[in-house]
Amino acid sequence: MKRRDFVKLLGAAGAAGALPGVSLRSASAAEVEPFEGMVLVTLVANGGWDHSSLCDPRENPAINHWADTMPAGTAGNLRYAPFAENAEFFDKYFDRMLVINGIDLQTNGHSAARLTQASGALSGYPVLNAIYGAIHNAGLPMPWLIDGSSTPSQDLGLQPVTRLPATDLMRSLANPNRRDGTRQFLRTADIAIIEQYRQERLQALLQENGMPYRDSQVASQLDARINRGLMHRLDDVFPETIDSLDLKGESNSMISRIHRMLVAIQAGICVTASASSGGFDTHGNHDAGHTTALTRFTRSVDYLWEKAEELGIADRIVLHLTSDVGRTPHYNSNNGKDHWSVGSSIVMMKNQPWTNRSVGMTDATHRKLTINPVTLEQDELGVQLRTAHVQQTLRRILGIENDPLCQEFSIDVPDIDLLNPAYSNPVIV
């Protein structure tokens, strides 16, 4: 073996040790059950999307310049802004969408709004991805994948994130013994012997009287060796190339990230994934900036669903489209829109009775309104919809509402059933 190949092998093995459940491939490796339940995927429009340019439109030129020449669009029971590529997006996916408007964010700051949209609270709560990952992580190698620092990741120690590996690193983690497309560094039989001695050594260390911290580390290493089988599943499904173009053939930085996340989900090593796309903080030249950002975002969602269908996992995905702050119902002197403390979210899922509906309301100038908790109609004595209600709804969809971990981080708001298909709120355009 050449020196550089030996160094490459050592590097791959070291990288594999950085993840629980990863080691060199062994013919006798014990297989761990892959995760085959519902997967929570969160896509964040970073910077604060304008709900009036998307799913809560207003036919008022002071609020939206498009209203000078066009009415709001309709797809199924939903209304949308005739802006960017919204018409194509809503026409294709209205029957998978629950639009939640009129959410009181209780802040107009980016960080606080980003956290409350992801957790249901301004502070003190983990984001839902952390809770869901902790509930279903049974030694999975990458239970919660996240793409970058701007994506909400507060876990409070429940479930640490795994930063989405670059394509080459992810391929090496799947099979560190891969030398190139057709060759391996070591024979499978040799790796099996190495693995046998490694596990025997770890078992022997556990039998010694050591310090609790060292014993914990050794036990974790042993568990990782035993649970490495799922990374072999990633090797089985990892494609020769990772996509970088959207479905219209244009470059989009989100596509590669989404593809890698979906491959991990397909392999059964991932419970939840989070990604973000920027460009939404349009304090100046709002229409041009939001056209670009929204087009990139909706094309990314379109790619996600089409690729998920191709990989056979679309029926398992619960997709939460969210943002941080909202945007003002008027333009500033720079033709921009500033921060607003009322916003919208969209939950998407296939073949559900609660989709093709909008719930929650704002008035003609996007001010929050209280609603009846049963009929969802405007009610001055009703309940103000908050991010906690969105999180409560997502917990119900995921089937974890009564899990002890959710009870530990209980949502203390008046109950609103946003999933009852008998009730909805028409958008006041």
Protein backbone atom coordinates (compact mmCIF):
# COMPACT_ATOMS: atom_id res chain seq x y z
CA MET A 1 0.00 0.00 0.00
CA LYS A 2 1.34 3.44 -0.91
CA ARG A 3 2.03 5.84 1.95
CA ARG A 4 -0.58 8.36 0.79
CA ASP A 5 -3.20 5.60 0.55
CA PHE A 6 -2.34 4.45 4.08
CA VAL A 7 -2.69 8.03 5.35
CA LYS A 8 -6.00 8.31 3.51
CA LEU A 9 -7.21 5.12 5.18
CA LEU A 10 -6.22 6.40 8.62
CA GLY A 11 -7.97 9.69 7.91
CA ALA A 12 -11.14 7.92 6.87
CA ALA A 13 -11.06 5.74 9.95
CA GLY A 14 -10.58 8.80 12.13
CA ALA A 15 -13.49 10.55 10.49
CA ALA A 16 -15.62 7.49 11.05
CA GLY A 17 -14.80 7.57 14.74
CA ALA A 18 -16.29 11.02 14.97
CA LEU A 19 -19.81 9.63 14.52
CA PRO A 20 -21.56 7.09 16.75
CA GLY A 21 -22.25 3.95 14.80
CA VAL A 22 -19.42 4.30 12.27
CA SER A 23 -16.36 2.12 11.73
CA LEU A 24 -14.67 0.07 9.04
CA ARG A 25 -16.96 -2.31 7.21
CA SER A 26 -17.16 -5.77 8.71
CA ALA A 27 -18.84 -8.84 7.26
CA SER A 28 -19.90 -9.85 10.77
CA ALA A 29 -21.20 -6.45 11.83
CA ALA A 30 -24.36 -6.53 13.93
CA GLU A 31 -27.18 -4.72 12.19
CA VAL A 32 -29.21 -2.07 13.99
CA GLU A 33 -32.82 -1.50 13.04
CA PRO A 34 -33.13 1.42 10.62
CA PHE A 35 -35.61 4.18 11.41
CA GLU A 36 -38.71 3.83 9.24
CA GLY A 37 -41.15 6.18 10.98
CA MET A 38 -42.25 9.69 10.16
CA VAL A 39 -39.38 12.11 9.54
CA LEU A 40 -39.54 15.77 10.53
CA VAL A 41 -37.88 18.03 7.97
CA THR A 42 -37.66 21.75 8.71
CA LEU A 43 -36.83 24.31 6.02
CA VAL A 44 -36.21 27.84 7.30
CA ALA A 45 -36.56 30.99 5.20
CA ASN A 46 -33.75 32.80 6.95
CA GLY A 47 -34.12 36.55 7.44
CA GLY A 48 -37.90 36.76 7.68
CA TRP A 49 -40.20 35.92 4.79
CA ASP A 50 -43.05 38.19 3.80
CA HIS A 51 -46.28 36.28 4.35
CA SER A 52 -48.07 38.86 2.19
CA SER A 53 -45.82 37.83 -0.71
CA LEU A 54 -46.60 34.16 -0.16
CA CYS A 55 -49.56 32.65 1.69
CA ASP A 56 -51.45 35.58 3.30
CA PRO A 57 -51.78 38.00 0.35
CA ARG A 58 -53.37 41.45 0.32
CA GLU A 59 -54.74 43.12 -2.80
CA ASN A 60 -53.57 46.51 -1.57
CA PRO A 61 -50.85 48.31 -3.57
CA ALA A 62 -49.60 50.02 -0.41
CA ILE A 63 -48.80 46.57 0.96
CA ASN A 64 -47.85 44.77 -2.26
CA HIS A 65 -46.82 46.36 -5.54
CA TRP A 66 -48.13 43.35 -7.46
CA ALA A 67 -51.66 44.37 -6.41
CA ASP A 68 -51.50 47.24 -8.92
CA THR A 69 -52.04 44.81 -11.77
CA MET A 70 -52.94 41.36 -10.40
CA PRO A 71 -55.41 39.79 -7.96
CA ALA A 72 -54.41 37.18 -5.42
CA GLY A 73 -54.31 33.65 -6.80
CA THR A 74 -56.36 30.64 -5.75
CA ALA A 75 -55.29 26.99 -5.56
CA GLY A 76 -57.79 24.60 -4.03
CA ASN A 77 -58.98 26.28 -0.84
CA LEU A 78 -55.82 28.39 -0.52
CA ARG A 79 -55.00 31.95 -1.56
CA TYR A 80 -51.51 32.99 -2.58
CA ALA A 81 -49.65 36.06 -3.79
CA PRO A 82 -49.14 36.16 -7.61
CA PHE A 83 -45.45 36.69 -6.96
CA ALA A 84 -42.22 34.86 -7.84
CA GLU A 85 -43.18 31.25 -8.77
CA ASN A 86 -45.96 30.96 -6.19
CA ALA A 87 -48.67 30.05 -8.72
CA GLU A 88 -46.74 27.02 -9.95
CA PHE A 89 -45.89 25.99 -6.39
CA PHE A 90 -49.39 26.30 -4.93
CA ASP A 91 -51.07 24.72 -7.95
CA LYS A 92 -48.85 21.67 -7.56
CA TYR A 93 -48.87 21.28 -3.78
CA PHE A 94 -52.03 22.90 -2.35
CA ASP A 95 -53.41 19.48 -1.40
CA ARG A 96 -50.36 18.85 0.82
CA MET A 97 -50.42 22.21 2.61
CA LEU A 98 -51.77 23.46 5.91
CA VAL A 99 -51.20 27.23 5.88
CA ILE A 100 -51.04 28.80 9.34
CA ASN A 101 -51.43 32.59 9.24
CA GLY A 102 -51.69 35.26 11.91
CA ILE A 103 -49.05 33.81 14.24
CA ASP A 104 -48.11 36.17 17.06
CA LEU A 105 -44.31 35.89 17.19
CA GLN A 106 -44.04 38.09 20.31
CA THR A 107 -40.82 39.56 18.92
CA ASN A 108 -39.49 41.24 15.80
CA GLY A 109 -35.86 40.19 16.31
CA HIS A 110 -34.27 37.55 14.10
CA SER A 111 -32.74 35.25 16.72
CA ALA A 112 -35.68 35.23 19.11
CA ALA A 113 -38.19 34.78 16.29
CA ARG A 114 -36.15 31.97 14.75
CA LEU A 115 -36.09 30.16 18.10
CA THR A 116 -39.76 30.59 18.92
CA GLN A 117 -40.80 29.44 15.45
CA ALA A 118 -38.74 26.26 15.96
CA SER A 119 -39.55 25.59 19.62
CA GLY A 120 -42.75 27.41 20.56
CA ALA A 121 -41.03 29.62 23.13
CA LEU A 122 -38.75 32.65 23.15
CA SER A 123 -36.33 30.90 25.52
CA GLY A 124 -35.85 27.82 27.67
CA TYR A 125 -37.19 25.22 25.24
CA PRO A 126 -35.38 22.94 22.78
CA VAL A 127 -36.38 23.06 19.15
CA LEU A 128 -38.79 20.33 18.06
CA ASN A 129 -36.12 18.59 15.98
CA ALA A 130 -34.11 17.97 19.17
CA ILE A 131 -37.12 16.53 20.98
CA TYR A 132 -38.12 14.31 18.08
CA GLY A 133 -34.55 13.16 17.53
CA ALA A 134 -34.12 12.31 21.22
CA ILE A 135 -37.36 10.31 21.31
CA HIS A 136 -36.48 8.13 18.32
CA ASN A 137 -32.69 7.95 18.48
CA ALA A 138 -31.78 4.38 19.38
CA GLY A 139 -28.10 4.53 18.55
CA LEU A 140 -28.65 6.02 15.10
CA PRO A 141 -25.51 7.52 13.54
CA MET A 142 -27.07 10.80 12.34
CA PRO A 143 -30.40 11.23 14.15
CA TRP A 144 -30.58 15.00 13.58
CA LEU A 145 -28.86 16.47 10.54
CA ILE A 146 -28.49 20.22 10.28
CA ASP A 147 -26.93 22.24 7.50
CA GLY A 148 -25.43 25.31 9.14
CA SER A 149 -25.14 27.76 11.99
CA SER A 150 -28.11 29.90 10.91
CA THR A 151 -30.54 26.98 11.28
CA PRO A 152 -32.16 26.71 14.77
CA SER A 153 -30.27 24.13 16.82
CA GLN A 154 -31.00 24.71 20.52
CA ASP A 155 -31.05 21.18 21.96
CA LEU A 156 -30.61 21.73 25.74
CA GLY A 157 -28.57 18.53 25.81
CA LEU A 158 -31.40 16.32 24.53
CA GLN A 159 -30.04 15.47 21.11
CA PRO A 160 -26.83 16.98 19.75
CA VAL A 161 -26.87 17.90 16.09
CA THR A 162 -24.81 16.27 13.39
CA ARG A 163 -23.53 18.90 11.00
CA LEU A 164 -24.32 17.76 7.49
CA PRO A 165 -21.08 16.29 6.11
CA ALA A 166 -19.76 17.38 2.74
CA THR A 167 -20.38 14.91 -0.07
CA ASP A 168 -16.93 13.29 -0.09
CA LEU A 169 -16.81 13.04 3.70
CA MET A 170 -20.30 11.57 3.82
CA ARG A 171 -19.28 8.95 1.27
CA SER A 172 -16.18 8.12 3.33
CA LEU A 173 -18.25 7.84 6.50
CA ALA A 174 -20.56 5.42 4.72
CA ASN A 175 -17.60 3.19 3.86
CA PRO A 176 -14.15 4.29 5.07
CA ASN A 177 -12.67 1.21 3.41
CA ARG A 178 -13.54 2.52 -0.06
CA ARG A 179 -10.34 3.43 -1.87
CA ASP A 180 -12.04 4.55 -5.07
CA GLY A 181 -15.01 3.52 -7.16
CA THR A 182 -13.98 -0.14 -7.49
CA ARG A 183 -11.23 -0.84 -4.95
CA GLN A 184 -10.99 -1.13 -1.17
CA PHE A 185 -8.06 -0.55 1.15
CA LEU A 186 -8.34 -3.85 3.01
CA ARG A 187 -9.99 -7.18 2.35
CA THR A 188 -13.31 -7.77 4.08
CA ALA A 189 -11.87 -10.76 5.95
CA ASP A 190 -9.00 -8.65 7.31
CA ILE A 191 -11.40 -5.97 8.49
CA ALA A 192 -13.49 -8.59 10.27
CA ILE A 193 -10.41 -9.71 12.21
CA ILE A 194 -9.51 -6.12 13.12
CA GLU A 195 -13.06 -5.47 14.30
CA GLN A 196 -13.07 -8.63 16.39
CA TYR A 197 -9.91 -7.60 18.24
CA ARG A 198 -11.16 -4.03 18.68
CA GLN A 199 -14.36 -5.19 20.31
CA GLU A 200 -12.54 -7.70 22.50
CA ARG A 201 -10.21 -4.94 23.67
CA LEU A 202 -13.12 -2.65 24.50
CA GLN A 203 -14.89 -5.44 26.36
CA ALA A 204 -11.72 -6.08 28.36
CA LEU A 205 -11.43 -2.40 29.26
CA LEU A 206 -14.99 -2.44 30.55
CA GLN A 207 -14.09 -5.30 32.89
CA GLU A 208 -11.34 -3.27 34.53
CA ASN A 209 -11.97 -1.02 37.51
CA GLY A 210 -11.63 2.38 35.95
CA MET A 211 -12.97 5.87 36.34
CA PRO A 212 -16.66 6.41 35.56
CA TYR A 213 -15.94 8.91 32.80
CA ARG A 214 -13.49 6.57 31.08
CA ASP A 215 -15.91 3.66 31.41
CA SER A 216 -18.64 5.78 29.87
CA GLN A 217 -16.40 6.65 26.94
CA VAL A 218 -15.42 3.02 26.43
CA ALA A 219 -19.07 1.95 26.55
CA SER A 220 -19.93 4.59 23.96
CA GLN A 221 -17.15 3.35 21.70
CA LEU A 222 -18.38 -0.22 22.07
CA ASP A 223 -21.95 0.79 21.28
CA ALA A 224 -20.71 2.66 18.23
CA ARG A 225 -18.90 -0.43 17.00
CA ILE A 226 -21.93 -2.62 17.54
CA ASN A 227 -24.30 -0.12 15.92
CA ARG A 228 -22.16 0.60 12.87
CA GLY A 229 -24.34 -1.49 10.57
CA LEU A 230 -26.62 1.38 9.59
CA MET A 231 -23.73 3.30 8.05
CA HIS A 232 -23.35 0.37 5.70
CA ARG A 233 -26.92 1.02 4.60
CA LEU A 234 -25.87 4.56 3.75
CA ASP A 235 -23.12 3.10 1.58
CA ASP A 236 -25.69 0.92 -0.17
CA VAL A 237 -27.91 3.87 -1.15
CA PHE A 238 -25.35 6.66 -1.56
CA PRO A 239 -25.50 7.82 -5.21
CA GLU A 240 -22.52 8.24 -7.49
CA THR A 241 -23.32 11.95 -7.76
CA ILE A 242 -25.20 14.38 -5.53
CA ASP A 243 -27.59 16.75 -7.28
CA SER A 244 -26.75 20.45 -7.43
CA LEU A 245 -29.38 21.71 -9.89
CA ASP A 246 -33.06 22.31 -9.23
CA LEU A 247 -35.77 20.69 -11.35
CA LYS A 248 -35.48 23.52 -13.90
CA GLY A 249 -31.77 22.90 -14.36
CA GLU A 250 -30.55 25.93 -12.43
CA SER A 251 -27.88 25.94 -9.73
CA ASN A 252 -29.27 26.12 -6.20
CA SER A 253 -27.14 25.76 -3.08
CA MET A 254 -29.97 24.07 -1.16
CA ILE A 255 -30.31 21.16 -3.58
CA SER A 256 -27.11 19.36 -2.63
CA ARG A 257 -27.89 19.72 1.07
CA ILE A 258 -31.44 18.45 0.67
CA HIS A 259 -30.27 15.51 -1.46
CA ARG A 260 -27.73 14.41 1.16
CA MET A 261 -30.32 14.69 3.92
CA LEU A 262 -32.82 12.62 1.95
CA VAL A 263 -30.23 9.93 1.30
CA ALA A 264 -29.58 9.70 5.06
CA ILE A 265 -33.33 9.42 5.64
CA GLN A 266 -33.58 6.71 2.98
CA ALA A 267 -30.78 4.78 4.70
CA GLY A 268 -32.71 4.84 7.98
CA ILE A 269 -29.99 6.66 9.93
CA CYS A 270 -31.81 10.00 10.28
CA VAL A 271 -34.95 10.95 12.22
CA THR A 272 -35.06 14.68 11.54
CA ALA A 273 -33.27 17.24 9.37
CA SER A 274 -33.08 21.03 9.27
CA ALA A 275 -31.91 23.36 6.52
CA SER A 276 -32.14 27.07 5.81
CA SER A 277 -32.11 29.38 2.82
CA GLY A 278 -31.27 33.07 3.05
CA GLY A 279 -32.03 36.30 1.23
CA PHE A 280 -35.31 37.15 2.94
CA ASP A 281 -34.20 40.11 5.07
CA THR A 282 -35.31 42.62 2.43
CA HIS A 283 -35.06 46.03 4.12
CA GLY A 284 -34.34 47.45 0.67
CA ASN A 285 -35.62 46.58 -2.81
CA HIS A 286 -38.03 44.07 -1.32
CA ASP A 287 -39.75 42.86 -4.46
CA ALA A 288 -36.56 41.93 -6.32
CA GLY A 289 -34.93 40.37 -3.27
CA HIS A 290 -37.97 38.37 -2.27
CA THR A 291 -38.58 37.20 -5.82
CA THR A 292 -35.11 35.65 -5.87
CA ALA A 293 -35.33 34.22 -2.35
CA LEU A 294 -38.85 32.81 -2.70
CA THR A 295 -38.10 31.28 -6.09
CA ARG A 296 -35.05 29.51 -4.69
CA PHE A 297 -37.04 28.37 -1.64
CA THR A 298 -40.12 27.02 -3.45
CA ARG A 299 -37.95 25.28 -6.04
CA SER A 300 -36.07 23.64 -3.17
CA VAL A 301 -39.33 22.40 -1.68
CA ASP A 302 -40.39 21.11 -5.10
CA TYR A 303 -37.08 19.27 -5.46
CA LEU A 304 -37.44 17.79 -1.97
CA TRP A 305 -40.83 16.26 -2.72
CA GLU A 306 -39.85 14.95 -6.16
CA LYS A 307 -36.59 13.43 -4.91
CA ALA A 308 -38.35 11.96 -1.87
CA GLU A 309 -40.81 10.25 -4.23
CA GLU A 310 -37.91 8.89 -6.25
CA LEU A 311 -36.27 7.51 -3.10
CA GLY A 312 -39.52 6.02 -1.80
CA ILE A 313 -39.74 8.12 1.37
CA ALA A 314 -42.24 10.87 0.48
CA ASP A 315 -45.08 9.27 2.47
CA ARG A 316 -43.00 9.51 5.66
CA ILE A 317 -42.09 13.19 5.51
CA VAL A 318 -43.62 15.90 7.68
CA LEU A 319 -42.30 19.14 6.20
CA HIS A 320 -42.39 22.37 8.20
CA LEU A 321 -41.76 25.53 6.17
CA THR A 322 -41.03 28.39 8.51
CA SER A 323 -39.04 31.59 8.95
CA ASP A 324 -38.15 34.03 11.70
CA VAL A 325 -39.74 37.52 11.68
CA GLY A 326 -42.56 38.64 9.42
CA ARG A 327 -42.40 41.78 7.27
CA THR A 328 -44.27 45.06 7.55
CA PRO A 329 -47.53 45.67 5.64
CA HIS A 330 -45.97 48.63 3.86
CA TYR A 331 -42.79 49.62 2.05
CA ASN A 332 -40.13 51.84 3.58
CA SER A 333 -38.30 54.67 1.82
CA ASN A 334 -35.92 52.14 0.22
CA ASN A 335 -38.74 50.08 -1.27
CA GLY A 336 -38.04 47.50 1.39
CA LYS A 337 -40.11 45.94 4.15
CA ASP A 338 -38.89 45.93 7.73
CA HIS A 339 -39.48 43.48 10.58
CA TRP A 340 -43.00 42.59 11.75
CA SER A 341 -44.03 40.49 14.75
CA VAL A 342 -46.78 38.56 12.95
CA GLY A 343 -45.96 35.69 10.63
CA SER A 344 -46.99 32.48 8.89
CA SER A 345 -45.91 28.84 8.68
CA ILE A 346 -46.78 26.02 6.32
CA VAL A 347 -46.95 22.34 7.26
CA MET A 348 -46.87 19.87 4.38
CA MET A 349 -47.68 16.17 4.27
CA LYS A 350 -49.11 13.77 1.71
CA ASN A 351 -52.61 12.27 1.78
CA GLN A 352 -53.94 14.00 4.90
CA PRO A 353 -57.51 15.16 5.63
CA TRP A 354 -56.26 18.35 7.30
CA THR A 355 -54.43 19.79 4.28
CA ASN A 356 -55.70 22.16 1.57
CA ARG A 357 -56.69 24.52 4.37
CA SER A 358 -55.63 27.84 5.85
CA VAL A 359 -56.05 28.55 9.56
CA GLY A 360 -55.38 31.66 11.61
CA MET A 361 -56.17 35.22 10.56
CA THR A 362 -54.81 38.72 10.19
CA ASP A 363 -56.82 41.83 9.38
CA ALA A 364 -56.63 43.96 6.24
CA THR A 365 -53.27 45.40 7.34
CA HIS A 366 -51.76 42.17 8.71
CA ARG A 367 -52.50 42.85 12.34
CA LYS A 368 -53.11 39.80 14.48
CA LEU A 369 -56.66 38.65 15.28
CA THR A 370 -57.97 36.33 17.96
CA ILE A 371 -59.92 33.27 16.84
CA ASN A 372 -62.44 30.87 18.32
CA PRO A 373 -60.48 27.77 19.45
CA VAL A 374 -63.10 25.42 17.96
CA THR A 375 -64.55 27.07 14.84
CA LEU A 376 -61.38 29.09 14.14
CA GLU A 377 -63.54 32.07 13.18
CA GLN A 378 -62.62 35.58 14.27
CA ASP A 379 -63.64 36.05 17.88
CA GLU A 380 -62.82 39.07 20.03
CA LEU A 381 -63.02 36.80 23.09
CA GLY A 382 -61.03 34.08 21.40
CA VAL A 383 -57.41 32.89 21.49
CA GLN A 384 -54.36 34.49 19.93
CA LEU A 385 -52.53 32.02 17.71
CA ARG A 386 -48.87 31.70 18.72
CA THR A 387 -45.85 29.68 17.73
CA ALA A 388 -46.65 27.31 20.60
CA HIS A 389 -49.85 26.31 18.82
CA VAL A 390 -47.87 25.47 15.69
CA GLN A 391 -45.50 23.32 17.75
CA GLN A 392 -48.43 21.68 19.51
CA THR A 393 -49.90 20.82 16.12
CA LEU A 394 -46.61 19.37 14.85
CA ARG A 395 -46.31 17.21 17.97
CA ARG A 396 -49.77 15.81 17.25
CA ILE A 397 -48.94 15.09 13.64
CA LEU A 398 -45.74 13.31 14.68
CA GLY A 399 -47.57 11.29 17.35
CA ILE A 400 -45.39 12.45 20.25
CA GLU A 401 -47.75 14.81 22.05
CA ASN A 402 -48.04 12.50 25.08
CA ASP A 403 -44.42 11.36 25.15
CA PRO A 404 -42.75 12.01 28.54
CA LEU A 405 -40.17 14.23 26.90
CA CYS A 406 -42.90 16.43 25.43
CA GLN A 407 -44.56 16.51 28.83
CA GLU A 408 -41.29 17.72 30.32
CA PHE A 409 -41.39 20.60 27.84
CA SER A 410 -45.15 21.00 27.90
CA ILE A 411 -46.91 23.63 25.83
CA ASP A 412 -48.99 25.79 28.13
CA VAL A 413 -51.38 27.59 25.78
CA PRO A 414 -55.14 27.27 25.27
CA ASP A 415 -55.75 24.33 22.98
CA ILE A 416 -56.65 25.01 19.34
CA ASP A 417 -57.31 22.08 17.05
CA LEU A 418 -55.75 23.21 13.79
CA LEU A 419 -56.11 19.74 12.26
CA ASN A 420 -59.90 19.52 12.23
CA PRO A 421 -60.79 19.45 8.51
CA ALA A 422 -64.28 20.80 9.26
CA TYR A 423 -62.95 24.29 10.05
CA SER A 424 -60.67 26.77 8.32
CA ASN A 425 -60.12 30.50 7.84
CA PRO A 426 -60.45 32.22 4.48
CA VAL A 427 -57.69 34.70 3.73
CA ILE A 428 -58.95 38.29 3.72
CA VAL A 429 -57.33 39.65 0.57
